[in-house]
Amino acid sequence: MAPFCWVKFSDMSPEMQLDALSVALEGHQKFDSEMNLARHIKTRFDRKYRRFWHCTVGRDFGSYVSHVGKRFIYFHVDQYAILLFKSKSESRKESTNPIERVHHSGQT
């Protein structure tokens, strides 16, 4: 049976959202642990969309984060909630997008 996916909130472009879902589905098939899935998603997004991406994968967590505008998604793949967002580099200007908002995701 194919994994069930849905986006709870995102300010990403539709193309980037599809990429996040695709990378997560690929990792879901490859890895058994939440940590390895998070590492897979973060690494792929760092490579494709430049650093500094952060990824949290779990079944029950809260979050409160600041992120670069248009670089946030909170979604589910089967039983896993996945939070993926980009933060600004402190050492150099990484993006022209300002840090836009703070998001809190409730229980998954």
PDB file of N, CA and C in Angstrom:
ATOM      1  N   MET A   1       0.835  -1.178   0.000  1.00  0.00           N
ATOM      2  CA  MET A   1       0.000   0.000   0.000  1.00  0.00           C
ATOM      3  C   MET A   1       0.887   1.252   0.000  1.00  0.00           C
ATOM      4  N   ALA A   2       0.540   2.212  -0.824  1.00  0.00           N
ATOM      5  CA  ALA A   2       1.315   3.448  -0.930  1.00  0.00           C
ATOM      6  C   ALA A   2       1.133   4.296   0.328  1.00  0.00           C
ATOM      7  N   PRO A   3       2.188   5.006   0.739  1.00  0.00           N
ATOM      8  CA  PRO A   3       2.076   5.883   1.905  1.00  0.00           C
ATOM      9  C   PRO A   3       1.056   6.995   1.654  1.00  0.00           C
ATOM     10  N   PHE A   4       0.398   7.412   2.710  1.00  0.00           N
ATOM     11  CA  PHE A   4      -0.580   8.492   2.641  1.00  0.00           C
ATOM     12  C   PHE A   4       0.109   9.794   3.038  1.00  0.00           C
ATOM     13  N   CYS A   5      -0.008  10.821   2.193  1.00  0.00           N
ATOM     14  CA  CYS A   5       0.650  12.110   2.440  1.00  0.00           C
ATOM     15  C   CYS A   5      -0.368  13.237   2.420  1.00  0.00           C
ATOM     16  N   TRP A   6      -0.139  14.233   3.279  1.00  0.00           N
ATOM     17  CA  TRP A   6      -0.931  15.447   3.194  1.00  0.00           C
ATOM     18  C   TRP A   6      -0.153  16.599   3.802  1.00  0.00           C
ATOM     19  N   VAL A   7      -0.372  17.787   3.236  1.00  0.00           N
ATOM     20  CA  VAL A   7       0.283  19.007   3.699  1.00  0.00           C
ATOM     21  C   VAL A   7      -0.658  19.704   4.672  1.00  0.00           C
ATOM     22  N   LYS A   8      -0.136  19.962   5.861  1.00  0.00           N
ATOM     23  CA  LYS A   8      -0.924  20.659   6.885  1.00  0.00           C
ATOM     24  C   LYS A   8      -0.796  22.174   6.715  1.00  0.00           C
ATOM     25  N   PHE A   9       0.424  22.661   6.450  1.00  0.00           N
ATOM     26  CA  PHE A   9       0.645  24.078   6.181  1.00  0.00           C
ATOM     27  C   PHE A   9       1.934  24.234   5.387  1.00  0.00           C
ATOM     28  N   SER A  10       1.919  25.173   4.451  1.00  0.00           N
ATOM     29  CA  SER A  10       3.131  25.482   3.702  1.00  0.00           C
ATOM     30  C   SER A  10       3.031  26.883   3.132  1.00  0.00           C
ATOM     31  N   ASP A  11       4.171  27.558   3.063  1.00  0.00           N
ATOM     32  CA  ASP A  11       4.228  28.808   2.309  1.00  0.00           C
ATOM     33  C   ASP A  11       5.181  28.661   1.118  1.00  0.00           C
ATOM     34  N   MET A  12       5.596  27.429   0.827  1.00  0.00           N
ATOM     35  CA  MET A  12       6.475  27.131  -0.312  1.00  0.00           C
ATOM     36  C   MET A  12       5.696  27.195  -1.623  1.00  0.00           C
ATOM     37  N   SER A  13       6.435  27.321  -2.708  1.00  0.00           N
ATOM     38  CA  SER A  13       5.819  27.210  -4.032  1.00  0.00           C
ATOM     39  C   SER A  13       5.292  25.783  -4.208  1.00  0.00           C
ATOM     40  N   PRO A  14       4.313  25.594  -5.067  1.00  0.00           N
ATOM     41  CA  PRO A  14       3.812  24.234  -5.316  1.00  0.00           C
ATOM     42  C   PRO A  14       4.912  23.267  -5.774  1.00  0.00           C
ATOM     43  N   GLU A  15       5.849  23.757  -6.572  1.00  0.00           N
ATOM     44  CA  GLU A  15       6.939  22.898  -7.053  1.00  0.00           C
ATOM     45  C   GLU A  15       7.829  22.435  -5.907  1.00  0.00           C
ATOM     46  N   MET A  16       8.158  23.359  -5.000  1.00  0.00           N
ATOM     47  CA  MET A  16       9.005  23.001  -3.867  1.00  0.00           C
ATOM     48  C   MET A  16       8.258  22.062  -2.913  1.00  0.00           C
ATOM     49  N   GLN A  17       6.960  22.269  -2.753  1.00  0.00           N
ATOM     50  CA  GLN A  17       6.157  21.360  -1.928  1.00  0.00           C
ATOM     51  C   GLN A  17       6.202  19.941  -2.491  1.00  0.00           C
ATOM     52  N   LEU A  18       6.022  19.827  -3.802  1.00  0.00           N
ATOM     53  CA  LEU A  18       6.081  18.503  -4.434  1.00  0.00           C
ATOM     54  C   LEU A  18       7.449  17.863  -4.245  1.00  0.00           C
ATOM     55  N   ASP A  19       8.493  18.676  -4.314  1.00  0.00           N
ATOM     56  CA  ASP A  19       9.838  18.160  -4.096  1.00  0.00           C
ATOM     57  C   ASP A  19       9.991  17.651  -2.664  1.00  0.00           C
ATOM     58  N   ALA A  20       9.472  18.396  -1.695  1.00  0.00           N
ATOM     59  CA  ALA A  20       9.545  17.965  -0.292  1.00  0.00           C
ATOM     60  C   ALA A  20       8.823  16.633  -0.101  1.00  0.00           C
ATOM     61  N   LEU A  21       7.636  16.508  -0.668  1.00  0.00           N
ATOM     62  CA  LEU A  21       6.882  15.258  -0.558  1.00  0.00           C
ATOM     63  C   LEU A  21       7.613  14.114  -1.244  1.00  0.00           C
ATOM     64  N   SER A  22       8.156  14.377  -2.413  1.00  0.00           N
ATOM     65  CA  SER A  22       8.876  13.342  -3.163  1.00  0.00           C
ATOM     66  C   SER A  22      10.108  12.851  -2.411  1.00  0.00           C
ATOM     67  N   VAL A  23      10.893  13.785  -1.884  1.00  0.00           N
ATOM     68  CA  VAL A  23      12.096  13.426  -1.125  1.00  0.00           C
ATOM     69  C   VAL A  23      11.712  12.659   0.141  1.00  0.00           C
ATOM     70  N   ALA A  24      10.652  13.093   0.804  1.00  0.00           N
ATOM     71  CA  ALA A  24      10.204  12.404   2.022  1.00  0.00           C
ATOM     72  C   ALA A  24       9.706  10.995   1.707  1.00  0.00           C
ATOM     73  N   LEU A  25       8.955  10.839   0.631  1.00  0.00           N
ATOM     74  CA  LEU A  25       8.471   9.508   0.243  1.00  0.00           C
ATOM     75  C   LEU A  25       9.626   8.579  -0.099  1.00  0.00           C
ATOM     76  N   GLU A  26      10.609   9.112  -0.813  1.00  0.00           N
ATOM     77  CA  GLU A  26      11.800   8.322  -1.144  1.00  0.00           C
ATOM     78  C   GLU A  26      12.499   7.868   0.136  1.00  0.00           C
ATOM     79  N   GLY A  27      12.686   8.798   1.072  1.00  0.00           N
ATOM     80  CA  GLY A  27      13.333   8.466   2.337  1.00  0.00           C
ATOM     81  C   GLY A  27      12.511   7.513   3.184  1.00  0.00           C
ATOM     82  N   HIS A  28      11.205   7.655   3.126  1.00  0.00           N
ATOM     83  CA  HIS A  28      10.304   6.772   3.880  1.00  0.00           C
ATOM     84  C   HIS A  28      10.475   5.324   3.424  1.00  0.00           C
ATOM     85  N   GLN A  29      10.729   5.128   2.139  1.00  0.00           N
ATOM     86  CA  GLN A  29      10.944   3.780   1.599  1.00  0.00           C
ATOM     87  C   GLN A  29      12.321   3.221   1.987  1.00  0.00           C
ATOM     88  N   LYS A  30      13.315   4.111   2.135  1.00  0.00           N
ATOM     89  CA  LYS A  30      14.700   3.690   2.375  1.00  0.00           C
ATOM     90  C   LYS A  30      15.053   3.490   3.845  1.00  0.00           C
ATOM     91  N   PHE A  31      14.491   4.301   4.730  1.00  0.00           N
ATOM     92  CA  PHE A  31      14.973   4.368   6.104  1.00  0.00           C
ATOM     93  C   PHE A  31      13.922   3.933   7.113  1.00  0.00           C
ATOM     94  N   ASP A  32      14.407   3.299   8.179  1.00  0.00           N
ATOM     95  CA  ASP A  32      13.530   2.833   9.247  1.00  0.00           C
ATOM     96  C   ASP A  32      13.416   3.824  10.403  1.00  0.00           C
ATOM     97  N   SER A  33      14.387   4.713  10.538  1.00  0.00           N
ATOM     98  CA  SER A  33      14.380   5.598  11.707  1.00  0.00           C
ATOM     99  C   SER A  33      13.979   7.024  11.330  1.00  0.00           C
ATOM    100  N   GLU A  34      13.381   7.702  12.293  1.00  0.00           N
ATOM    101  CA  GLU A  34      12.991   9.094  12.112  1.00  0.00           C
ATOM    102  C   GLU A  34      14.218   9.964  11.859  1.00  0.00           C
ATOM    103  N   MET A  35      15.307   9.702  12.587  1.00  0.00           N
ATOM    104  CA  MET A  35      16.519  10.496  12.428  1.00  0.00           C
ATOM    105  C   MET A  35      17.095  10.365  11.017  1.00  0.00           C
ATOM    106  N   ASN A  36      17.155   9.144  10.503  1.00  0.00           N
ATOM    107  CA  ASN A  36      17.695   8.952   9.158  1.00  0.00           C
ATOM    108  C   ASN A  36      16.808   9.582   8.095  1.00  0.00           C
ATOM    109  N   LEU A  37      15.508   9.536   8.295  1.00  0.00           N
ATOM    110  CA  LEU A  37      14.591  10.191   7.359  1.00  0.00           C
ATOM    111  C   LEU A  37      14.796  11.703   7.401  1.00  0.00           C
ATOM    112  N   ALA A  38      14.901  12.279   8.589  1.00  0.00           N
ATOM    113  CA  ALA A  38      15.139  13.721   8.723  1.00  0.00           C
ATOM    114  C   ALA A  38      16.465  14.114   8.074  1.00  0.00           C
ATOM    115  N   ARG A  39      17.508  13.330   8.300  1.00  0.00           N
ATOM    116  CA  ARG A  39      18.821  13.609   7.704  1.00  0.00           C
ATOM    117  C   ARG A  39      18.732  13.577   6.179  1.00  0.00           C
ATOM    118  N   HIS A  40      18.031  12.591   5.644  1.00  0.00           N
ATOM    119  CA  HIS A  40      17.871  12.451   4.194  1.00  0.00           C
ATOM    120  C   HIS A  40      17.199  13.696   3.597  1.00  0.00           C
ATOM    121  N   ILE A  41      16.105  14.122   4.194  1.00  0.00           N
ATOM    122  CA  ILE A  41      15.370  15.281   3.678  1.00  0.00           C
ATOM    123  C   ILE A  41      16.216  16.543   3.783  1.00  0.00           C
ATOM    124  N   LYS A  42      16.822  16.770   4.941  1.00  0.00           N
ATOM    125  CA  LYS A  42      17.650  17.964   5.161  1.00  0.00           C
ATOM    126  C   LYS A  42      18.815  18.028   4.182  1.00  0.00           C
ATOM    127  N   THR A  43      19.511  16.903   4.016  1.00  0.00           N
ATOM    128  CA  THR A  43      20.673  16.853   3.126  1.00  0.00           C
ATOM    129  C   THR A  43      20.281  17.147   1.685  1.00  0.00           C
ATOM    130  N   ARG A  44      19.198  16.555   1.237  1.00  0.00           N
ATOM    131  CA  ARG A  44      18.744  16.782  -0.139  1.00  0.00           C
ATOM    132  C   ARG A  44      18.353  18.243  -0.358  1.00  0.00           C
ATOM    133  N   PHE A  45      17.675  18.843   0.610  1.00  0.00           N
ATOM    134  CA  PHE A  45      17.276  20.244   0.461  1.00  0.00           C
ATOM    135  C   PHE A  45      18.473  21.183   0.580  1.00  0.00           C
ATOM    136  N   ASP A  46      19.441  20.875   1.439  1.00  0.00           N
ATOM    137  CA  ASP A  46      20.668  21.679   1.500  1.00  0.00           C
ATOM    138  C   ASP A  46      21.371  21.679   0.148  1.00  0.00           C
ATOM    139  N   ARG A  47      21.435  20.523  -0.490  1.00  0.00           N
ATOM    140  CA  ARG A  47      22.109  20.421  -1.789  1.00  0.00           C
ATOM    141  C   ARG A  47      21.345  21.155  -2.893  1.00  0.00           C
ATOM    142  N   LYS A  48      20.059  20.941  -2.951  1.00  0.00           N
ATOM    143  CA  LYS A  48      19.278  21.492  -4.061  1.00  0.00           C
ATOM    144  C   LYS A  48      18.940  22.969  -3.886  1.00  0.00           C
ATOM    145  N   TYR A  49      18.618  23.379  -2.652  1.00  0.00           N
ATOM    146  CA  TYR A  49      18.132  24.739  -2.414  1.00  0.00           C
ATOM    147  C   TYR A  49      19.065  25.567  -1.531  1.00  0.00           C
ATOM    148  N   ARG A  50      20.293  25.134  -1.389  1.00  0.00           N
ATOM    149  CA  ARG A  50      21.316  25.787  -0.571  1.00  0.00           C
ATOM    150  C   ARG A  50      20.976  25.703   0.908  1.00  0.00           C
ATOM    151  N   ARG A  51      22.011  25.802   1.717  1.00  0.00           N
ATOM    152  CA  ARG A  51      21.853  25.683   3.163  1.00  0.00           C
ATOM    153  C   ARG A  51      21.079  26.870   3.717  1.00  0.00           C
ATOM    154  N   PHE A  52      20.529  26.856   4.781  1.00  0.00           N
ATOM    155  CA  PHE A  52      20.519  26.072   5.995  1.00  0.00           C
ATOM    156  C   PHE A  52      19.106  25.571   6.263  1.00  0.00           C
ATOM    157  N   TRP A  53      18.856  24.312   5.894  1.00  0.00           N
ATOM    158  CA  TRP A  53      17.560  23.670   6.108  1.00  0.00           C
ATOM    159  C   TRP A  53      17.581  22.895   7.421  1.00  0.00           C
ATOM    160  N   HIS A  54      16.416  22.787   8.036  1.00  0.00           N
ATOM    161  CA  HIS A  54      16.234  22.029   9.273  1.00  0.00           C
ATOM    162  C   HIS A  54      15.034  21.125   9.072  1.00  0.00           C
ATOM    163  N   CYS A  55      15.134  19.910   9.577  1.00  0.00           N
ATOM    164  CA  CYS A  55      14.053  18.951   9.409  1.00  0.00           C
ATOM    165  C   CYS A  55      13.834  18.186  10.709  1.00  0.00           C
ATOM    166  N   THR A  56      12.587  18.106  11.119  1.00  0.00           N
ATOM    167  CA  THR A  56      12.186  17.320  12.281  1.00  0.00           C
ATOM    168  C   THR A  56      11.159  16.306  11.810  1.00  0.00           C
ATOM    169  N   VAL A  57      11.353  15.061  12.216  1.00  0.00           N
ATOM    170  CA  VAL A  57      10.424  13.985  11.869  1.00  0.00           C
ATOM    171  C   VAL A  57      10.021  13.295  13.162  1.00  0.00           C
ATOM    172  N   GLY A  58       8.739  13.079  13.345  1.00  0.00           N
ATOM    173  CA  GLY A  58       8.301  12.391  14.552  1.00  0.00           C
ATOM    174  C   GLY A  58       6.815  12.123  14.543  1.00  0.00           C
ATOM    175  N   ARG A  59       6.390  11.482  15.619  1.00  0.00           N
ATOM    176  CA  ARG A  59       4.971  11.155  15.759  1.00  0.00           C
ATOM    177  C   ARG A  59       4.261  12.086  16.723  1.00  0.00           C
ATOM    178  N   ASP A  60       5.020  12.757  17.577  1.00  0.00           N
ATOM    179  CA  ASP A  60       4.415  13.635  18.574  1.00  0.00           C
ATOM    180  C   ASP A  60       5.442  14.671  19.003  1.00  0.00           C
ATOM    181  N   PHE A  61       5.340  15.869  18.490  1.00  0.00           N
ATOM    182  CA  PHE A  61       6.269  16.925  18.885  1.00  0.00           C
ATOM    183  C   PHE A  61       5.595  18.275  18.711  1.00  0.00           C
ATOM    184  N   GLY A  62       6.092  19.237  19.434  1.00  0.00           N
ATOM    185  CA  GLY A  62       5.678  20.617  19.257  1.00  0.00           C
ATOM    186  C   GLY A  62       6.844  21.388  18.676  1.00  0.00           C
ATOM    187  N   SER A  63       6.565  22.520  18.079  1.00  0.00           N
ATOM    188  CA  SER A  63       7.652  23.329  17.530  1.00  0.00           C
ATOM    189  C   SER A  63       7.250  24.793  17.535  1.00  0.00           C
ATOM    190  N   TYR A  64       8.262  25.632  17.512  1.00  0.00           N
ATOM    191  CA  TYR A  64       8.065  27.070  17.426  1.00  0.00           C
ATOM    192  C   TYR A  64       9.319  27.597  16.760  1.00  0.00           C
ATOM    193  N   VAL A  65       9.236  27.945  15.486  1.00  0.00           N
ATOM    194  CA  VAL A  65      10.443  28.247  14.726  1.00  0.00           C
ATOM    195  C   VAL A  65      10.306  29.542  13.938  1.00  0.00           C
ATOM    196  N   SER A  66      11.449  30.155  13.660  1.00  0.00           N
ATOM    197  CA  SER A  66      11.539  31.267  12.715  1.00  0.00           C
ATOM    198  C   SER A  66      12.140  30.712  11.440  1.00  0.00           C
ATOM    199  N   HIS A  67      11.687  31.224  10.309  1.00  0.00           N
ATOM    200  CA  HIS A  67      12.176  30.688   9.035  1.00  0.00           C
ATOM    201  C   HIS A  67      12.232  31.777   7.983  1.00  0.00           C
ATOM    202  N   VAL A  68      12.997  31.513   6.955  1.00  0.00           N
ATOM    203  CA  VAL A  68      13.071  32.392   5.804  1.00  0.00           C
ATOM    204  C   VAL A  68      11.738  32.295   5.062  1.00  0.00           C
ATOM    205  N   GLY A  69      11.242  33.405   4.554  1.00  0.00           N
ATOM    206  CA  GLY A  69       9.972  33.428   3.835  1.00  0.00           C
ATOM    207  C   GLY A  69       9.950  32.482   2.653  1.00  0.00           C
ATOM    208  N   LYS A  70       8.821  31.843   2.451  1.00  0.00           N
ATOM    209  CA  LYS A  70       8.579  30.908   1.347  1.00  0.00           C
ATOM    210  C   LYS A  70       9.414  29.645   1.446  1.00  0.00           C
ATOM    211  N   ARG A  71       9.845  29.316   2.642  1.00  0.00           N
ATOM    212  CA  ARG A  71      10.694  28.132   2.846  1.00  0.00           C
ATOM    213  C   ARG A  71      10.252  27.347   4.084  1.00  0.00           C
ATOM    214  N   PHE A  72       8.959  27.059   4.185  1.00  0.00           N
ATOM    215  CA  PHE A  72       8.412  26.332   5.331  1.00  0.00           C
ATOM    216  C   PHE A  72       7.332  25.369   4.857  1.00  0.00           C
ATOM    217  N   ILE A  73       7.395  24.134   5.377  1.00  0.00           N
ATOM    218  CA  ILE A  73       6.330  23.171   5.123  1.00  0.00           C
ATOM    219  C   ILE A  73       6.192  22.251   6.335  1.00  0.00           C
ATOM    220  N   TYR A  74       4.951  21.955   6.661  1.00  0.00           N
ATOM    221  CA  TYR A  74       4.632  21.006   7.721  1.00  0.00           C
ATOM    222  C   TYR A  74       3.655  20.016   7.108  1.00  0.00           C
ATOM    223  N   PHE A  75       4.069  18.748   7.029  1.00  0.00           N
ATOM    224  CA  PHE A  75       3.259  17.759   6.337  1.00  0.00           C
ATOM    225  C   PHE A  75       3.379  16.396   6.996  1.00  0.00           C
ATOM    226  N   HIS A  76       2.578  15.465   6.537  1.00  0.00           N
ATOM    227  CA  HIS A  76       2.574  14.103   7.070  1.00  0.00           C
ATOM    228  C   HIS A  76       2.842  13.097   5.962  1.00  0.00           C
ATOM    229  N   VAL A  77       3.595  12.076   6.297  1.00  0.00           N
ATOM    230  CA  VAL A  77       3.746  10.879   5.473  1.00  0.00           C
ATOM    231  C   VAL A  77       3.418   9.718   6.400  1.00  0.00           C
ATOM    232  N   ASP A  78       2.293   9.084   6.134  1.00  0.00           N
ATOM    233  CA  ASP A  78       1.778   8.036   7.019  1.00  0.00           C
ATOM    234  C   ASP A  78       1.722   8.557   8.454  1.00  0.00           C
ATOM    235  N   GLN A  79       2.369   7.848   9.379  1.00  0.00           N
ATOM    236  CA  GLN A  79       2.282   8.220  10.793  1.00  0.00           C
ATOM    237  C   GLN A  79       3.261   9.319  11.186  1.00  0.00           C
ATOM    238  N   TYR A  80       4.148   9.724  10.281  1.00  0.00           N
ATOM    239  CA  TYR A  80       5.171  10.719  10.609  1.00  0.00           C
ATOM    240  C   TYR A  80       4.737  12.138  10.249  1.00  0.00           C
ATOM    241  N   ALA A  81       4.919  13.045  11.193  1.00  0.00           N
ATOM    242  CA  ALA A  81       4.798  14.473  10.908  1.00  0.00           C
ATOM    243  C   ALA A  81       6.196  14.951  10.535  1.00  0.00           C
ATOM    244  N   ILE A  82       6.274  15.810   9.528  1.00  0.00           N
ATOM    245  CA  ILE A  82       7.565  16.303   9.050  1.00  0.00           C
ATOM    246  C   ILE A  82       7.511  17.821   8.980  1.00  0.00           C
ATOM    247  N   LEU A  83       8.458  18.438   9.649  1.00  0.00           N
ATOM    248  CA  LEU A  83       8.605  19.884   9.654  1.00  0.00           C
ATOM    249  C   LEU A  83       9.914  20.195   8.938  1.00  0.00           C
ATOM    250  N   LEU A  84       9.839  20.966   7.867  1.00  0.00           N
ATOM    251  CA  LEU A  84      11.017  21.309   7.069  1.00  0.00           C
ATOM    252  C   LEU A  84      11.001  22.812   6.836  1.00  0.00           C
ATOM    253  N   PHE A  85      12.107  23.471   7.185  1.00  0.00           N
ATOM    254  CA  PHE A  85      12.174  24.916   6.984  1.00  0.00           C
ATOM    255  C   PHE A  85      13.623  25.344   6.816  1.00  0.00           C
ATOM    256  N   LYS A  86      13.780  26.511   6.224  1.00  0.00           N
ATOM    257  CA  LYS A  86      15.109  27.078   6.009  1.00  0.00           C
ATOM    258  C   LYS A  86      15.288  28.269   6.938  1.00  0.00           C
ATOM    259  N   SER A  87      16.488  28.349   7.525  1.00  0.00           N
ATOM    260  CA  SER A  87      16.817  29.507   8.355  1.00  0.00           C
ATOM    261  C   SER A  87      17.913  30.311   7.673  1.00  0.00           C
ATOM    262  N   LYS A  88      18.042  31.526   8.089  1.00  0.00           N
ATOM    263  CA  LYS A  88      19.036  32.424   7.520  1.00  0.00           C
ATOM    264  C   LYS A  88      20.399  32.159   8.142  1.00  0.00           C
ATOM    265  N   SER A  89      21.434  32.242   7.333  1.00  0.00           N
ATOM    266  CA  SER A  89      22.801  32.132   7.824  1.00  0.00           C
ATOM    267  C   SER A  89      23.151  33.404   8.585  1.00  0.00           C
ATOM    268  N   GLU A  90      23.793  33.253   9.714  1.00  0.00           N
ATOM    269  CA  GLU A  90      24.221  34.419  10.488  1.00  0.00           C
ATOM    270  C   GLU A  90      25.485  35.043   9.914  1.00  0.00           C
ATOM    271  N   SER A  91      26.316  34.237   9.256  1.00  0.00           N
ATOM    272  CA  SER A  91      27.620  34.719   8.821  1.00  0.00           C
ATOM    273  C   SER A  91      27.584  35.476   7.501  1.00  0.00           C
ATOM    274  N   ARG A  92      26.578  35.204   6.668  1.00  0.00           N
ATOM    275  CA  ARG A  92      26.483  35.912   5.401  1.00  0.00           C
ATOM    276  C   ARG A  92      25.033  35.929   4.950  1.00  0.00           C
ATOM    277  N   LYS A  93      24.742  36.881   4.106  1.00  0.00           N
ATOM    278  CA  LYS A  93      23.363  36.963   3.619  1.00  0.00           C
ATOM    279  C   LYS A  93      23.133  35.849   2.614  1.00  0.00           C
ATOM    280  N   GLU A  94      22.265  34.931   2.946  1.00  0.00           N
ATOM    281  CA  GLU A  94      22.017  33.723   2.148  1.00  0.00           C
ATOM    282  C   GLU A  94      20.857  33.928   1.184  1.00  0.00           C
ATOM    283  N   SER A  95      19.930  34.816   1.526  1.00  0.00           N
ATOM    284  CA  SER A  95      18.710  34.953   0.748  1.00  0.00           C
ATOM    285  C   SER A  95      18.201  36.377   0.845  1.00  0.00           C
ATOM    286  N   THR A  96      17.471  36.806  -0.164  1.00  0.00           N
ATOM    287  CA  THR A  96      16.839  38.118  -0.098  1.00  0.00           C
ATOM    288  C   THR A  96      15.505  38.047   0.621  1.00  0.00           C
ATOM    289  N   ASN A  97      14.999  36.842   0.864  1.00  0.00           N
ATOM    290  CA  ASN A  97      13.734  36.688   1.587  1.00  0.00           C
ATOM    291  C   ASN A  97      13.963  36.937   3.073  1.00  0.00           C
ATOM    292  N   PRO A  98      13.205  37.857   3.672  1.00  0.00           N
ATOM    293  CA  PRO A  98      13.367  38.078   5.113  1.00  0.00           C
ATOM    294  C   PRO A  98      12.784  36.919   5.904  1.00  0.00           C
ATOM    295  N   ILE A  99      13.213  36.824   7.143  1.00  0.00           N
ATOM    296  CA  ILE A  99      12.559  35.857   8.021  1.00  0.00           C
ATOM    297  C   ILE A  99      11.158  36.394   8.252  1.00  0.00           C
ATOM    298  N   GLU A 100      10.181  35.585   7.915  1.00  0.00           N
ATOM    299  CA  GLU A 100       8.814  36.055   7.857  1.00  0.00           C
ATOM    300  C   GLU A 100       7.988  35.808   9.088  1.00  0.00           C
ATOM    301  N   ARG A 101       7.919  34.595   9.555  1.00  0.00           N
ATOM    302  CA  ARG A 101       7.001  34.301  10.630  1.00  0.00           C
ATOM    303  C   ARG A 101       7.539  33.232  11.548  1.00  0.00           C
ATOM    304  N   VAL A 102       6.820  33.107  12.603  1.00  0.00           N
ATOM    305  CA  VAL A 102       7.088  32.035  13.548  1.00  0.00           C
ATOM    306  C   VAL A 102       5.898  31.101  13.490  1.00  0.00           C
ATOM    307  N   HIS A 103       6.156  29.818  13.397  1.00  0.00           N
ATOM    308  CA  HIS A 103       5.081  28.828  13.335  1.00  0.00           C
ATOM    309  C   HIS A 103       5.162  27.900  14.521  1.00  0.00           C
ATOM    310  N   HIS A 104       4.030  27.528  14.989  1.00  0.00           N
ATOM    311  CA  HIS A 104       3.932  26.528  16.043  1.00  0.00           C
ATOM    312  C   HIS A 104       3.098  25.401  15.491  1.00  0.00           C
ATOM    313  N   SER A 105       3.652  24.211  15.500  1.00  0.00           N
ATOM    314  CA  SER A 105       2.860  23.050  15.087  1.00  0.00           C
ATOM    315  C   SER A 105       2.469  22.292  16.335  1.00  0.00           C
ATOM    316  N   GLY A 106       1.220  21.954  16.407  1.00  0.00           N
ATOM    317  CA  GLY A 106       0.717  21.228  17.564  1.00  0.00           C
ATOM    318  C   GLY A 106       1.010  19.758  17.457  1.00  0.00           C
ATOM    319  N   GLN A 107       0.318  18.985  18.249  1.00  0.00           N
ATOM    320  CA  GLN A 107       0.531  17.545  18.215  1.00  0.00           C
ATOM    321  C   GLN A 107       0.177  17.009  16.850  1.00  0.00           C
ATOM    322  N   THR A 108       0.853  15.935  16.477  1.00  0.00           N
ATOM    323  CA  THR A 108       0.677  15.357  15.155  1.00  0.00           C
ATOM    324  C   THR A 108      -0.525  14.470  15.066  1.00  0.00           C
TER     325      THR A 108
END
